[in-house]
Amino acid sequence: MKRKQAVIFEIGWNACINCGACVAVCPQESGFISPFDTIAVHTPCDIACMVCEDICPVSTITHVAA
């Protein structure tokens, strides 16, 4: 099985409503939470499951290859 490439998430802070949905579904360890109670940004995510992007109600989470 091919390993997914790590990604770095970005959040559009002007659109983020701090609902916590991204944190609730994130399978990463608890250290992957930002000081703003969202998923970590500018930190490589080696799981790259993209569940946080899918669940965001305002579609403000995006990613780039790490």
N, C-alpha and C. Protein backbone atom coordinates (compact mmCIF):
# COMPACT_ATOMS: atom_id res chain seq x y z
N MET A 1 0.84 -1.19 0.00
CA MET A 1 0.00 0.00 0.00
C MET A 1 0.88 1.24 0.00
N LYS A 2 0.58 2.16 -0.89
CA LYS A 2 1.37 3.38 -1.01
C LYS A 2 1.08 4.33 0.14
N ARG A 3 2.14 4.86 0.72
CA ARG A 3 2.00 5.80 1.83
C ARG A 3 1.60 7.17 1.28
N LYS A 4 0.68 7.83 1.95
CA LYS A 4 0.26 9.17 1.54
C LYS A 4 1.38 10.17 1.81
N GLN A 5 1.46 11.18 0.97
CA GLN A 5 2.45 12.24 1.15
C GLN A 5 1.98 13.18 2.26
N ALA A 6 2.90 13.60 3.10
CA ALA A 6 2.58 14.53 4.17
C ALA A 6 2.08 15.86 3.59
N VAL A 7 1.20 16.50 4.31
CA VAL A 7 0.66 17.79 3.89
C VAL A 7 0.79 18.80 5.02
N ILE A 8 0.66 20.05 4.66
CA ILE A 8 0.64 21.13 5.64
C ILE A 8 -0.70 21.84 5.48
N PHE A 9 -1.44 21.94 6.57
CA PHE A 9 -2.75 22.57 6.52
C PHE A 9 -2.66 24.07 6.75
N GLU A 10 -3.58 24.76 6.11
CA GLU A 10 -3.74 26.19 6.31
C GLU A 10 -5.22 26.44 6.60
N ILE A 11 -5.47 27.45 7.40
CA ILE A 11 -6.86 27.80 7.76
C ILE A 11 -7.10 29.25 7.40
N GLY A 12 -8.21 29.51 6.74
CA GLY A 12 -8.60 30.89 6.44
C GLY A 12 -9.21 31.48 7.70
N TRP A 13 -8.40 32.19 8.44
CA TRP A 13 -8.82 32.66 9.77
C TRP A 13 -10.01 33.60 9.72
N ASN A 14 -10.20 34.32 8.64
CA ASN A 14 -11.36 35.22 8.55
C ASN A 14 -12.67 34.45 8.42
N ALA A 15 -12.60 33.22 7.91
CA ALA A 15 -13.81 32.41 7.74
C ALA A 15 -14.01 31.41 8.87
N CYS A 16 -12.94 31.03 9.57
CA CYS A 16 -13.02 30.03 10.63
C CYS A 16 -13.97 30.48 11.73
N ILE A 17 -14.88 29.59 12.12
CA ILE A 17 -15.85 29.92 13.17
C ILE A 17 -15.51 29.24 14.50
N ASN A 18 -14.32 28.66 14.58
CA ASN A 18 -13.84 28.00 15.79
C ASN A 18 -14.85 27.01 16.35
N CYS A 19 -15.44 26.21 15.47
CA CYS A 19 -16.45 25.24 15.91
C CYS A 19 -15.83 24.01 16.55
N GLY A 20 -14.55 23.74 16.26
CA GLY A 20 -13.87 22.60 16.85
C GLY A 20 -14.08 21.28 16.13
N ALA A 21 -14.81 21.30 15.02
CA ALA A 21 -15.08 20.06 14.28
C ALA A 21 -13.78 19.42 13.80
N CYS A 22 -12.84 20.21 13.32
CA CYS A 22 -11.58 19.67 12.81
C CYS A 22 -10.79 18.97 13.91
N VAL A 23 -10.82 19.52 15.09
CA VAL A 23 -10.12 18.92 16.23
C VAL A 23 -10.81 17.63 16.64
N ALA A 24 -12.12 17.63 16.63
CA ALA A 24 -12.89 16.47 17.07
C ALA A 24 -12.65 15.23 16.20
N VAL A 25 -12.42 15.41 14.91
CA VAL A 25 -12.24 14.27 14.02
C VAL A 25 -10.78 13.94 13.74
N CYS A 26 -9.86 14.75 14.19
CA CYS A 26 -8.44 14.57 13.88
C CYS A 26 -7.86 13.35 14.60
N PRO A 27 -7.28 12.40 13.86
CA PRO A 27 -6.69 11.22 14.49
C PRO A 27 -5.26 11.44 14.98
N GLN A 28 -4.72 12.64 14.77
CA GLN A 28 -3.36 12.94 15.24
C GLN A 28 -3.33 13.00 16.76
N GLU A 29 -2.13 12.93 17.31
CA GLU A 29 -1.97 13.06 18.76
C GLU A 29 -2.38 14.45 19.20
N SER A 30 -2.64 14.61 20.47
CA SER A 30 -3.14 15.88 21.00
C SER A 30 -2.21 17.05 20.75
N GLY A 31 -0.95 16.82 20.48
CA GLY A 31 -0.01 17.90 20.20
C GLY A 31 -0.23 18.54 18.84
N PHE A 32 -1.16 18.01 18.07
CA PHE A 32 -1.43 18.54 16.73
C PHE A 32 -2.54 19.59 16.77
N ILE A 33 -2.74 20.20 17.90
CA ILE A 33 -3.76 21.23 18.07
C ILE A 33 -3.07 22.58 18.19
N SER A 34 -3.61 23.58 17.50
CA SER A 34 -3.01 24.91 17.54
C SER A 34 -3.42 25.65 18.81
N PRO A 35 -2.75 26.75 19.11
CA PRO A 35 -3.16 27.57 20.26
C PRO A 35 -4.57 28.14 20.12
N PHE A 36 -5.12 28.08 18.90
CA PHE A 36 -6.45 28.61 18.63
C PHE A 36 -7.53 27.53 18.64
N ASP A 37 -7.18 26.34 19.18
CA ASP A 37 -8.10 25.20 19.25
C ASP A 37 -8.60 24.75 17.89
N THR A 38 -7.70 24.73 16.93
CA THR A 38 -7.96 24.17 15.60
C THR A 38 -6.86 23.16 15.34
N ILE A 39 -6.92 22.49 14.20
CA ILE A 39 -5.80 21.63 13.84
C ILE A 39 -4.57 22.50 13.65
N ALA A 40 -3.42 21.91 13.79
CA ALA A 40 -2.17 22.67 13.64
C ALA A 40 -2.01 23.14 12.20
N VAL A 41 -1.48 24.32 12.07
CA VAL A 41 -1.17 24.87 10.76
C VAL A 41 0.34 25.00 10.64
N HIS A 42 0.83 24.96 9.43
CA HIS A 42 2.27 25.09 9.16
C HIS A 42 3.08 23.98 9.85
N THR A 43 2.45 22.86 10.15
CA THR A 43 3.09 21.70 10.76
C THR A 43 2.79 20.49 9.87
N PRO A 44 3.81 19.77 9.40
CA PRO A 44 3.53 18.62 8.53
C PRO A 44 2.63 17.58 9.20
N CYS A 45 1.66 17.13 8.46
CA CYS A 45 0.76 16.06 8.90
C CYS A 45 1.07 14.84 8.07
N ASP A 46 1.63 13.82 8.68
CA ASP A 46 2.01 12.63 7.92
C ASP A 46 0.86 11.65 7.72
N ILE A 47 -0.25 11.83 8.41
CA ILE A 47 -1.42 10.97 8.23
C ILE A 47 -2.15 11.37 6.94
N ALA A 48 -2.33 12.66 6.74
CA ALA A 48 -2.96 13.21 5.53
C ALA A 48 -4.28 12.53 5.18
N CYS A 49 -5.13 12.33 6.17
CA CYS A 49 -6.43 11.67 5.92
C CYS A 49 -7.45 12.65 5.35
N MET A 50 -7.26 13.94 5.55
CA MET A 50 -8.10 15.02 5.02
C MET A 50 -9.50 15.07 5.63
N VAL A 51 -9.73 14.36 6.71
CA VAL A 51 -11.04 14.37 7.35
C VAL A 51 -11.38 15.78 7.85
N CYS A 52 -10.38 16.49 8.33
CA CYS A 52 -10.63 17.85 8.83
C CYS A 52 -11.14 18.77 7.72
N GLU A 53 -10.56 18.64 6.53
CA GLU A 53 -11.03 19.43 5.39
C GLU A 53 -12.47 19.09 5.05
N ASP A 54 -12.77 17.80 5.06
CA ASP A 54 -14.11 17.34 4.69
C ASP A 54 -15.18 17.80 5.68
N ILE A 55 -14.84 17.87 6.96
CA ILE A 55 -15.86 18.18 7.97
C ILE A 55 -16.03 19.68 8.22
N CYS A 56 -15.09 20.49 7.79
CA CYS A 56 -15.16 21.93 8.06
C CYS A 56 -16.45 22.52 7.46
N PRO A 57 -17.33 23.08 8.30
CA PRO A 57 -18.61 23.58 7.80
C PRO A 57 -18.49 24.84 6.93
N VAL A 58 -17.36 25.52 7.00
CA VAL A 58 -17.18 26.72 6.18
C VAL A 58 -16.10 26.52 5.12
N SER A 59 -15.64 25.29 4.95
CA SER A 59 -14.66 24.93 3.93
C SER A 59 -13.44 25.86 3.90
N THR A 60 -12.89 26.14 5.06
CA THR A 60 -11.77 27.08 5.12
C THR A 60 -10.43 26.41 5.38
N ILE A 61 -10.42 25.08 5.49
CA ILE A 61 -9.17 24.36 5.67
C ILE A 61 -8.68 23.87 4.31
N THR A 62 -7.44 24.22 3.99
CA THR A 62 -6.82 23.78 2.75
C THR A 62 -5.47 23.17 3.08
N HIS A 63 -4.82 22.60 2.08
CA HIS A 63 -3.52 21.98 2.33
C HIS A 63 -2.60 22.15 1.12
N VAL A 64 -1.32 22.02 1.40
CA VAL A 64 -0.28 21.97 0.38
C VAL A 64 0.62 20.81 0.72
N ALA A 65 1.34 20.30 -0.26
CA ALA A 65 2.28 19.21 0.00
C ALA A 65 3.39 19.70 0.92
N ALA A 66 3.79 18.85 1.83
CA ALA A 66 4.85 19.22 2.79
C ALA A 66 6.20 19.10 2.14
